[in-house]
Amino acid sequence: PHRDQVEIEFKSFELDPNAPTYNGKNIHEALAA
């Protein structure tokens, strides 16, 4: 009922700061590795 008084702020968090840019591997391959 008080949702209009709720402020949401998003904060940055990198799961893997050293992750490469997309290299052609799909998500299944990346997860498996």
PDB file of all heavy atoms in Angstrom:
ATOM      1  N   PRO A   1       0.790  -1.238   0.000  1.00  0.00           N
ATOM      2  CA  PRO A   1       0.000   0.000   0.000  1.00  0.00           C
ATOM      3  C   PRO A   1       0.820   1.284   0.000  1.00  0.00           C
ATOM      4  O   PRO A   1       0.301   2.344  -0.350  1.00  0.00           O
ATOM      5  CB  PRO A   1      -0.846  -0.126   1.279  1.00  0.00           C
ATOM      6  CG  PRO A   1      -0.116  -1.104   2.141  1.00  0.00           C
ATOM      7  CD  PRO A   1       0.548  -2.051   1.196  1.00  0.00           C
ATOM      8  N   HIS A   2       2.090   1.187   0.381  1.00  0.00           N
ATOM      9  CA  HIS A   2       2.933   2.394   0.445  1.00  0.00           C
ATOM     10  C   HIS A   2       3.988   2.391  -0.658  1.00  0.00           C
ATOM     11  O   HIS A   2       5.039   3.019  -0.508  1.00  0.00           O
ATOM     12  CB  HIS A   2       3.607   2.470   1.818  1.00  0.00           C
ATOM     13  CG  HIS A   2       2.673   2.283   2.969  1.00  0.00           C
ATOM     14  ND1 HIS A   2       1.731   3.230   3.338  1.00  0.00           N
ATOM     15  CD2 HIS A   2       2.518   1.231   3.821  1.00  0.00           C
ATOM     16  CE1 HIS A   2       1.044   2.788   4.384  1.00  0.00           C
ATOM     17  NE2 HIS A   2       1.495   1.580   4.690  1.00  0.00           N
ATOM     18  N   ARG A   3       3.707   1.717  -1.759  1.00  0.00           N
ATOM     19  CA  ARG A   3       4.701   1.576  -2.831  1.00  0.00           C
ATOM     20  C   ARG A   3       5.142   2.917  -3.411  1.00  0.00           C
ATOM     21  O   ARG A   3       6.264   3.039  -3.887  1.00  0.00           O
ATOM     22  CB  ARG A   3       4.170   0.678  -3.944  1.00  0.00           C
ATOM     23  CG  ARG A   3       2.890   1.151  -4.598  1.00  0.00           C
ATOM     24  CD  ARG A   3       2.377   0.110  -5.590  1.00  0.00           C
ATOM     25  NE  ARG A   3       1.076   0.466  -6.151  1.00  0.00           N
ATOM     26  CZ  ARG A   3      -0.083   0.224  -5.569  1.00  0.00           C
ATOM     27  NH1 ARG A   3      -0.096  -0.387  -4.382  1.00  0.00           N
ATOM     28  NH2 ARG A   3      -1.219   0.568  -6.131  1.00  0.00           N
ATOM     29  N   ASP A   4       4.269   3.924  -3.356  1.00  0.00           N
ATOM     30  CA  ASP A   4       4.638   5.238  -3.887  1.00  0.00           C
ATOM     31  C   ASP A   4       5.714   5.917  -3.042  1.00  0.00           C
ATOM     32  O   ASP A   4       6.304   6.912  -3.471  1.00  0.00           O
ATOM     33  CB  ASP A   4       3.412   6.147  -3.967  1.00  0.00           C
ATOM     34  CG  ASP A   4       2.405   5.674  -5.014  1.00  0.00           C
ATOM     35  OD1 ASP A   4       2.809   4.903  -5.910  1.00  0.00           O
ATOM     36  OD2 ASP A   4       1.224   6.058  -4.935  1.00  0.00           O
ATOM     37  N   GLN A   5       5.949   5.385  -1.865  1.00  0.00           N
ATOM     38  CA  GLN A   5       6.959   5.967  -0.988  1.00  0.00           C
ATOM     39  C   GLN A   5       8.212   5.100  -0.921  1.00  0.00           C
ATOM     40  O   GLN A   5       9.015   5.236  -0.011  1.00  0.00           O
ATOM     41  CB  GLN A   5       6.370   6.161   0.417  1.00  0.00           C
ATOM     42  CG  GLN A   5       5.181   7.126   0.434  1.00  0.00           C
ATOM     43  CD  GLN A   5       4.624   7.330   1.825  1.00  0.00           C
ATOM     44  OE1 GLN A   5       5.353   7.717   2.738  1.00  0.00           O
ATOM     45  NE2 GLN A   5       3.340   7.068   1.999  1.00  0.00           N
ATOM     46  N   VAL A   6       8.346   4.217  -1.895  1.00  0.00           N
ATOM     47  CA  VAL A   6       9.523   3.348  -1.967  1.00  0.00           C
ATOM     48  C   VAL A   6      10.428   3.810  -3.104  1.00  0.00           C
ATOM     49  O   VAL A   6       9.996   3.938  -4.247  1.00  0.00           O
ATOM     50  CB  VAL A   6       9.120   1.874  -2.201  1.00  0.00           C
ATOM     51  CG1 VAL A   6      10.368   1.003  -2.348  1.00  0.00           C
ATOM     52  CG2 VAL A   6       8.256   1.360  -1.052  1.00  0.00           C
ATOM     53  N   GLU A   7      11.665   4.064  -2.778  1.00  0.00           N
ATOM     54  CA  GLU A   7      12.671   4.448  -3.778  1.00  0.00           C
ATOM     55  C   GLU A   7      13.582   3.256  -4.030  1.00  0.00           C
ATOM     56  O   GLU A   7      14.049   2.613  -3.098  1.00  0.00           O
ATOM     57  CB  GLU A   7      13.498   5.629  -3.271  1.00  0.00           C
ATOM     58  CG  GLU A   7      14.667   6.008  -4.174  1.00  0.00           C
ATOM     59  CD  GLU A   7      15.625   6.984  -3.526  1.00  0.00           C
ATOM     60  OE1 GLU A   7      15.367   7.435  -2.401  1.00  0.00           O
ATOM     61  OE2 GLU A   7      16.663   7.281  -4.161  1.00  0.00           O
ATOM     62  N   ILE A   8      13.818   2.957  -5.306  1.00  0.00           N
ATOM     63  CA  ILE A   8      14.697   1.843  -5.659  1.00  0.00           C
ATOM     64  C   ILE A   8      15.941   2.385  -6.355  1.00  0.00           C
ATOM     65  O   ILE A   8      15.844   3.199  -7.277  1.00  0.00           O
ATOM     66  CB  ILE A   8      13.979   0.831  -6.565  1.00  0.00           C
ATOM     67  CG1 ILE A   8      12.851   0.141  -5.785  1.00  0.00           C
ATOM     68  CG2 ILE A   8      14.964  -0.219  -7.101  1.00  0.00           C
ATOM     69  CD1 ILE A   8      12.066  -0.859  -6.589  1.00  0.00           C
ATOM     70  N   GLU A   9      17.078   1.947  -5.897  1.00  0.00           N
ATOM     71  CA  GLU A   9      18.354   2.351  -6.507  1.00  0.00           C
ATOM     72  C   GLU A   9      19.145   1.102  -6.861  1.00  0.00           C
ATOM     73  O   GLU A   9      19.334   0.221  -6.025  1.00  0.00           O
ATOM     74  CB  GLU A   9      19.153   3.220  -5.541  1.00  0.00           C
ATOM     75  CG  GLU A   9      20.477   3.711  -6.126  1.00  0.00           C
ATOM     76  CD  GLU A   9      21.221   4.636  -5.183  1.00  0.00           C
ATOM     77  OE1 GLU A   9      20.618   5.099  -4.188  1.00  0.00           O
ATOM     78  OE2 GLU A   9      22.405   4.889  -5.438  1.00  0.00           O
ATOM     79  N   PHE A  10      19.597   1.025  -8.098  1.00  0.00           N
ATOM     80  CA  PHE A  10      20.356  -0.131  -8.556  1.00  0.00           C
ATOM     81  C   PHE A  10      21.848   0.108  -8.369  1.00  0.00           C
ATOM     82  O   PHE A  10      22.352   1.199  -8.625  1.00  0.00           O
ATOM     83  CB  PHE A  10      20.043  -0.430 -10.020  1.00  0.00           C
ATOM     84  CG  PHE A  10      18.625  -0.888 -10.236  1.00  0.00           C
ATOM     85  CD1 PHE A  10      17.639   0.017 -10.585  1.00  0.00           C
ATOM     86  CD2 PHE A  10      18.278  -2.214 -10.060  1.00  0.00           C
ATOM     87  CE1 PHE A  10      16.324  -0.388 -10.763  1.00  0.00           C
ATOM     88  CE2 PHE A  10      16.967  -2.640 -10.237  1.00  0.00           C
ATOM     89  CZ  PHE A  10      15.992  -1.724 -10.588  1.00  0.00           C
ATOM     90  N   LYS A  11      22.530  -0.925  -7.909  1.00  0.00           N
ATOM     91  CA  LYS A  11      23.959  -0.863  -7.652  1.00  0.00           C
ATOM     92  C   LYS A  11      24.694  -1.862  -8.552  1.00  0.00           C
ATOM     93  O   LYS A  11      24.209  -2.964  -8.801  1.00  0.00           O
ATOM     94  CB  LYS A  11      24.252  -1.196  -6.187  1.00  0.00           C
ATOM     95  CG  LYS A  11      23.611  -0.245  -5.186  1.00  0.00           C
ATOM     96  CD  LYS A  11      24.273   1.112  -5.200  1.00  0.00           C
ATOM     97  CE  LYS A  11      23.802   1.978  -4.057  1.00  0.00           C
ATOM     98  NZ  LYS A  11      24.480   3.303  -4.044  1.00  0.00           N
ATOM     99  N   SER A  12      25.864  -1.480  -8.996  1.00  0.00           N
ATOM    100  CA  SER A  12      26.640  -2.324  -9.905  1.00  0.00           C
ATOM    101  C   SER A  12      27.331  -3.467  -9.178  1.00  0.00           C
ATOM    102  O   SER A  12      27.867  -3.300  -8.082  1.00  0.00           O
ATOM    103  CB  SER A  12      27.702  -1.486 -10.623  1.00  0.00           C
ATOM    104  OG  SER A  12      27.098  -0.488 -11.418  1.00  0.00           O
ATOM    105  N   PHE A  13      27.299  -4.630  -9.815  1.00  0.00           N
ATOM    106  CA  PHE A  13      28.018  -5.809  -9.311  1.00  0.00           C
ATOM    107  C   PHE A  13      28.334  -6.687 -10.508  1.00  0.00           C
ATOM    108  O   PHE A  13      27.430  -7.143 -11.203  1.00  0.00           O
ATOM    109  CB  PHE A  13      27.144  -6.575  -8.308  1.00  0.00           C
ATOM    110  CG  PHE A  13      27.876  -7.663  -7.573  1.00  0.00           C
ATOM    111  CD1 PHE A  13      28.317  -7.473  -6.267  1.00  0.00           C
ATOM    112  CD2 PHE A  13      28.122  -8.893  -8.177  1.00  0.00           C
ATOM    113  CE1 PHE A  13      28.991  -8.479  -5.595  1.00  0.00           C
ATOM    114  CE2 PHE A  13      28.802  -9.905  -7.514  1.00  0.00           C
ATOM    115  CZ  PHE A  13      29.234  -9.699  -6.211  1.00  0.00           C
ATOM    116  N   GLU A  14      29.610  -6.919 -10.757  1.00  0.00           N
ATOM    117  CA  GLU A  14      30.017  -7.795 -11.860  1.00  0.00           C
ATOM    118  C   GLU A  14      30.258  -9.199 -11.312  1.00  0.00           C
ATOM    119  O   GLU A  14      31.119  -9.401 -10.465  1.00  0.00           O
ATOM    120  CB  GLU A  14      31.295  -7.278 -12.507  1.00  0.00           C
ATOM    121  CG  GLU A  14      31.174  -5.925 -13.174  1.00  0.00           C
ATOM    122  CD  GLU A  14      32.524  -5.392 -13.572  1.00  0.00           C
ATOM    123  OE1 GLU A  14      33.182  -4.734 -12.736  1.00  0.00           O
ATOM    124  OE2 GLU A  14      32.949  -5.676 -14.720  1.00  0.00           O
ATOM    125  N   LEU A  15      29.501 -10.165 -11.810  1.00  0.00           N
ATOM    126  CA  LEU A  15      29.718 -11.541 -11.385  1.00  0.00           C
ATOM    127  C   LEU A  15      31.133 -11.998 -11.721  1.00  0.00           C
ATOM    128  O   LEU A  15      31.752 -12.742 -10.971  1.00  0.00           O
ATOM    129  CB  LEU A  15      28.696 -12.461 -12.051  1.00  0.00           C
ATOM    130  CG  LEU A  15      27.274 -12.392 -11.498  1.00  0.00           C
ATOM    131  CD1 LEU A  15      26.341 -13.237 -12.352  1.00  0.00           C
ATOM    132  CD2 LEU A  15      27.234 -12.843 -10.043  1.00  0.00           C
ATOM    133  N   ASP A  16      31.637 -11.544 -12.852  1.00  0.00           N
ATOM    134  CA  ASP A  16      32.997 -11.884 -13.259  1.00  0.00           C
ATOM    135  C   ASP A  16      33.628 -10.670 -13.937  1.00  0.00           C
ATOM    136  O   ASP A  16      33.487 -10.485 -15.150  1.00  0.00           O
ATOM    137  CB  ASP A  16      33.000 -13.080 -14.206  1.00  0.00           C
ATOM    138  CG  ASP A  16      34.410 -13.519 -14.590  1.00  0.00           C
ATOM    139  OD1 ASP A  16      35.383 -12.915 -14.089  1.00  0.00           O
ATOM    140  OD2 ASP A  16      34.543 -14.470 -15.395  1.00  0.00           O
ATOM    141  N   PRO A  17      34.325  -9.837 -13.159  1.00  0.00           N
ATOM    142  CA  PRO A  17      34.955  -8.642 -13.743  1.00  0.00           C
ATOM    143  C   PRO A  17      35.962  -8.971 -14.840  1.00  0.00           C
ATOM    144  O   PRO A  17      36.251  -8.123 -15.687  1.00  0.00           O
ATOM    145  CB  PRO A  17      35.656  -7.989 -12.540  1.00  0.00           C
ATOM    146  CG  PRO A  17      34.933  -8.526 -11.346  1.00  0.00           C
ATOM    147  CD  PRO A  17      34.539  -9.919 -11.712  1.00  0.00           C
ATOM    148  N   ASN A  18      36.482 -10.193 -14.836  1.00  0.00           N
ATOM    149  CA  ASN A  18      37.478 -10.598 -15.831  1.00  0.00           C
ATOM    150  C   ASN A  18      36.872 -11.353 -17.005  1.00  0.00           C
ATOM    151  O   ASN A  18      37.603 -11.908 -17.838  1.00  0.00           O
ATOM    152  CB  ASN A  18      38.549 -11.466 -15.169  1.00  0.00           C
ATOM    153  CG  ASN A  18      39.300 -10.723 -14.079  1.00  0.00           C
ATOM    154  OD1 ASN A  18      39.722  -9.588 -14.270  1.00  0.00           O
ATOM    155  ND2 ASN A  18      39.464 -11.358 -12.929  1.00  0.00           N
ATOM    156  N   ALA A  19      35.562 -11.388 -17.070  1.00  0.00           N
ATOM    157  CA  ALA A  19      34.900 -12.115 -18.159  1.00  0.00           C
ATOM    158  C   ALA A  19      35.270 -11.483 -19.501  1.00  0.00           C
ATOM    159  O   ALA A  19      35.342 -10.259 -19.627  1.00  0.00           O
ATOM    160  CB  ALA A  19      33.392 -12.079 -17.977  1.00  0.00           C
ATOM    161  N   PRO A  20      35.496 -12.302 -20.511  1.00  0.00           N
ATOM    162  CA  PRO A  20      35.803 -11.747 -21.843  1.00  0.00           C
ATOM    163  C   PRO A  20      34.532 -11.211 -22.487  1.00  0.00           C
ATOM    164  O   PRO A  20      33.414 -11.502 -22.039  1.00  0.00           O
ATOM    165  CB  PRO A  20      36.318 -12.977 -22.595  1.00  0.00           C
ATOM    166  CG  PRO A  20      35.589 -14.122 -21.964  1.00  0.00           C
ATOM    167  CD  PRO A  20      35.474 -13.777 -20.506  1.00  0.00           C
ATOM    168  N   THR A  21      34.717 -10.424 -23.523  1.00  0.00           N
ATOM    169  CA  THR A  21      33.553 -10.042 -24.312  1.00  0.00           C
ATOM    170  C   THR A  21      33.085 -11.285 -25.074  1.00  0.00           C
ATOM    171  O   THR A  21      33.780 -12.299 -25.118  1.00  0.00           O
ATOM    172  CB  THR A  21      33.901  -8.917 -25.304  1.00  0.00           C
ATOM    173  OG1 THR A  21      35.012  -9.334 -26.118  1.00  0.00           O
ATOM    174  CG2 THR A  21      34.265  -7.635 -24.555  1.00  0.00           C
ATOM    175  N   TYR A  22      31.909 -11.212 -25.650  1.00  0.00           N
ATOM    176  CA  TYR A  22      31.321 -12.389 -26.289  1.00  0.00           C
ATOM    177  C   TYR A  22      32.284 -12.999 -27.300  1.00  0.00           C
ATOM    178  O   TYR A  22      32.799 -12.318 -28.190  1.00  0.00           O
ATOM    179  CB  TYR A  22      30.019 -11.989 -26.978  1.00  0.00           C
ATOM    180  CG  TYR A  22      29.340 -13.134 -27.700  1.00  0.00           C
ATOM    181  CD1 TYR A  22      28.961 -14.285 -27.024  1.00  0.00           C
ATOM    182  CD2 TYR A  22      29.092 -13.045 -29.071  1.00  0.00           C
ATOM    183  CE1 TYR A  22      28.350 -15.336 -27.676  1.00  0.00           C
ATOM    184  CE2 TYR A  22      28.462 -14.087 -29.741  1.00  0.00           C
ATOM    185  CZ  TYR A  22      28.096 -15.233 -29.039  1.00  0.00           C
ATOM    186  OH  TYR A  22      27.487 -16.269 -29.697  1.00  0.00           O
ATOM    187  N   ASN A  23      32.532 -14.294 -27.129  1.00  0.00           N
ATOM    188  CA  ASN A  23      33.522 -14.973 -27.981  1.00  0.00           C
ATOM    189  C   ASN A  23      32.917 -16.105 -28.811  1.00  0.00           C
ATOM    190  O   ASN A  23      33.649 -16.937 -29.350  1.00  0.00           O
ATOM    191  CB  ASN A  23      34.659 -15.515 -27.119  1.00  0.00           C
ATOM    192  CG  ASN A  23      34.174 -16.442 -26.015  1.00  0.00           C
ATOM    193  OD1 ASN A  23      33.023 -16.899 -26.030  1.00  0.00           O
ATOM    194  ND2 ASN A  23      35.032 -16.704 -25.038  1.00  0.00           N
ATOM    195  N   GLY A  24      31.614 -16.117 -28.904  1.00  0.00           N
ATOM    196  CA  GLY A  24      30.962 -17.137 -29.720  1.00  0.00           C
ATOM    197  C   GLY A  24      30.431 -18.321 -28.935  1.00  0.00           C
ATOM    198  O   GLY A  24      29.625 -19.103 -29.435  1.00  0.00           O
ATOM    199  N   LYS A  25      30.880 -18.482 -27.672  1.00  0.00           N
ATOM    200  CA  LYS A  25      30.375 -19.576 -26.850  1.00  0.00           C
ATOM    201  C   LYS A  25      28.947 -19.274 -26.405  1.00  0.00           C
ATOM    202  O   LYS A  25      28.640 -18.143 -26.031  1.00  0.00           O
ATOM    203  CB  LYS A  25      31.262 -19.766 -25.612  1.00  0.00           C
ATOM    204  CG  LYS A  25      32.566 -20.482 -25.871  1.00  0.00           C
ATOM    205  CD  LYS A  25      33.267 -20.793 -24.550  1.00  0.00           C
ATOM    206  CE  LYS A  25      34.540 -21.580 -24.782  1.00  0.00           C
ATOM    207  NZ  LYS A  25      35.217 -21.919 -23.502  1.00  0.00           N
ATOM    208  N   ASN A  26      28.101 -20.305 -26.429  1.00  0.00           N
ATOM    209  CA  ASN A  26      26.752 -20.085 -25.933  1.00  0.00           C
ATOM    210  C   ASN A  26      26.733 -20.237 -24.411  1.00  0.00           C
ATOM    211  O   ASN A  26      27.729 -20.627 -23.795  1.00  0.00           O
ATOM    212  CB  ASN A  26      25.741 -21.022 -26.604  1.00  0.00           C
ATOM    213  CG  ASN A  26      26.010 -22.489 -26.310  1.00  0.00           C
ATOM    214  OD1 ASN A  26      26.422 -22.860 -25.217  1.00  0.00           O
ATOM    215  ND2 ASN A  26      25.769 -23.337 -27.310  1.00  0.00           N
ATOM    216  N   ILE A  27      25.597 -19.939 -23.804  1.00  0.00           N
ATOM    217  CA  ILE A  27      25.518 -19.920 -22.346  1.00  0.00           C
ATOM    218  C   ILE A  27      25.707 -21.303 -21.750  1.00  0.00           C
ATOM    219  O   ILE A  27      26.239 -21.452 -20.644  1.00  0.00           O
ATOM    220  CB  ILE A  27      24.171 -19.307 -21.885  1.00  0.00           C
ATOM    221  CG1 ILE A  27      24.200 -19.010 -20.373  1.00  0.00           C
ATOM    222  CG2 ILE A  27      22.999 -20.194 -22.260  1.00  0.00           C
ATOM    223  CD1 ILE A  27      25.194 -17.959 -19.971  1.00  0.00           C
ATOM    224  N   HIS A  28      25.298 -22.353 -22.476  1.00  0.00           N
ATOM    225  CA  HIS A  28      25.476 -23.714 -21.977  1.00  0.00           C
ATOM    226  C   HIS A  28      26.963 -24.054 -21.887  1.00  0.00           C
ATOM    227  O   HIS A  28      27.429 -24.628 -20.895  1.00  0.00           O
ATOM    228  CB  HIS A  28      24.772 -24.721 -22.892  1.00  0.00           C
ATOM    229  CG  HIS A  28      23.324 -24.435 -23.121  1.00  0.00           C
ATOM    230  ND1 HIS A  28      22.428 -24.243 -22.098  1.00  0.00           N
ATOM    231  CD2 HIS A  28      22.610 -24.305 -24.281  1.00  0.00           C
ATOM    232  CE1 HIS A  28      21.227 -24.016 -22.601  1.00  0.00           C
ATOM    233  NE2 HIS A  28      21.312 -24.042 -23.918  1.00  0.00           N
ATOM    234  N   GLU A  29      27.713 -23.683 -22.914  1.00  0.00           N
ATOM    235  CA  GLU A  29      29.151 -23.937 -22.935  1.00  0.00           C
ATOM    236  C   GLU A  29      29.860 -23.142 -21.844  1.00  0.00           C
ATOM    237  O   GLU A  29      30.757 -23.645 -21.168  1.00  0.00           O
ATOM    238  CB  GLU A  29      29.727 -23.592 -24.304  1.00  0.00           C
ATOM    239  CG  GLU A  29      29.225 -24.481 -25.438  1.00  0.00           C
ATOM    240  CD  GLU A  29      29.629 -23.975 -26.813  1.00  0.00           C
ATOM    241  OE1 GLU A  29      29.612 -22.730 -27.017  1.00  0.00           O
ATOM    242  OE2 GLU A  29      29.963 -24.806 -27.668  1.00  0.00           O
ATOM    243  N   ALA A  30      29.441 -21.900 -21.682  1.00  0.00           N
ATOM    244  CA  ALA A  30      30.061 -21.041 -20.675  1.00  0.00           C
ATOM    245  C   ALA A  30      29.798 -21.573 -19.267  1.00  0.00           C
ATOM    246  O   ALA A  30      30.706 -21.606 -18.421  1.00  0.00           O
ATOM    247  CB  ALA A  30      29.521 -19.615 -20.808  1.00  0.00           C
ATOM    248  N   LEU A  31      28.577 -22.017 -19.020  1.00  0.00           N
ATOM    249  CA  LEU A  31      28.226 -22.553 -17.708  1.00  0.00           C
ATOM    250  C   LEU A  31      28.972 -23.856 -17.436  1.00  0.00           C
ATOM    251  O   LEU A  31      29.476 -24.077 -16.327  1.00  0.00           O
ATOM    252  CB  LEU A  31      26.710 -22.773 -17.625  1.00  0.00           C
ATOM    253  CG  LEU A  31      26.157 -23.172 -16.255  1.00  0.00           C
ATOM    254  CD1 LEU A  31      26.308 -22.014 -15.276  1.00  0.00           C
ATOM    255  CD2 LEU A  31      24.686 -23.571 -16.363  1.00  0.00           C
ATOM    256  N   ALA A  32      29.048 -24.707 -18.439  1.00  0.00           N
ATOM    257  CA  ALA A  32      29.746 -25.979 -18.285  1.00  0.00           C
ATOM    258  C   ALA A  32      31.224 -25.762 -17.964  1.00  0.00           C
ATOM    259  O   ALA A  32      31.795 -26.426 -17.088  1.00  0.00           O
ATOM    260  CB  ALA A  32      29.593 -26.811 -19.559  1.00  0.00           C
ATOM    261  N   ALA A  33      31.849 -24.810 -18.654  1.00  0.00           N
ATOM    262  CA  ALA A  33      33.266 -24.522 -18.427  1.00  0.00           C
ATOM    263  C   ALA A  33      33.491 -23.919 -17.045  1.00  0.00           C
ATOM    264  O   ALA A  33      34.470 -24.242 -16.364  1.00  0.00           O
ATOM    265  CB  ALA A  33      33.775 -23.569 -19.507  1.00  0.00           C
TER     266      ALA A  33
END
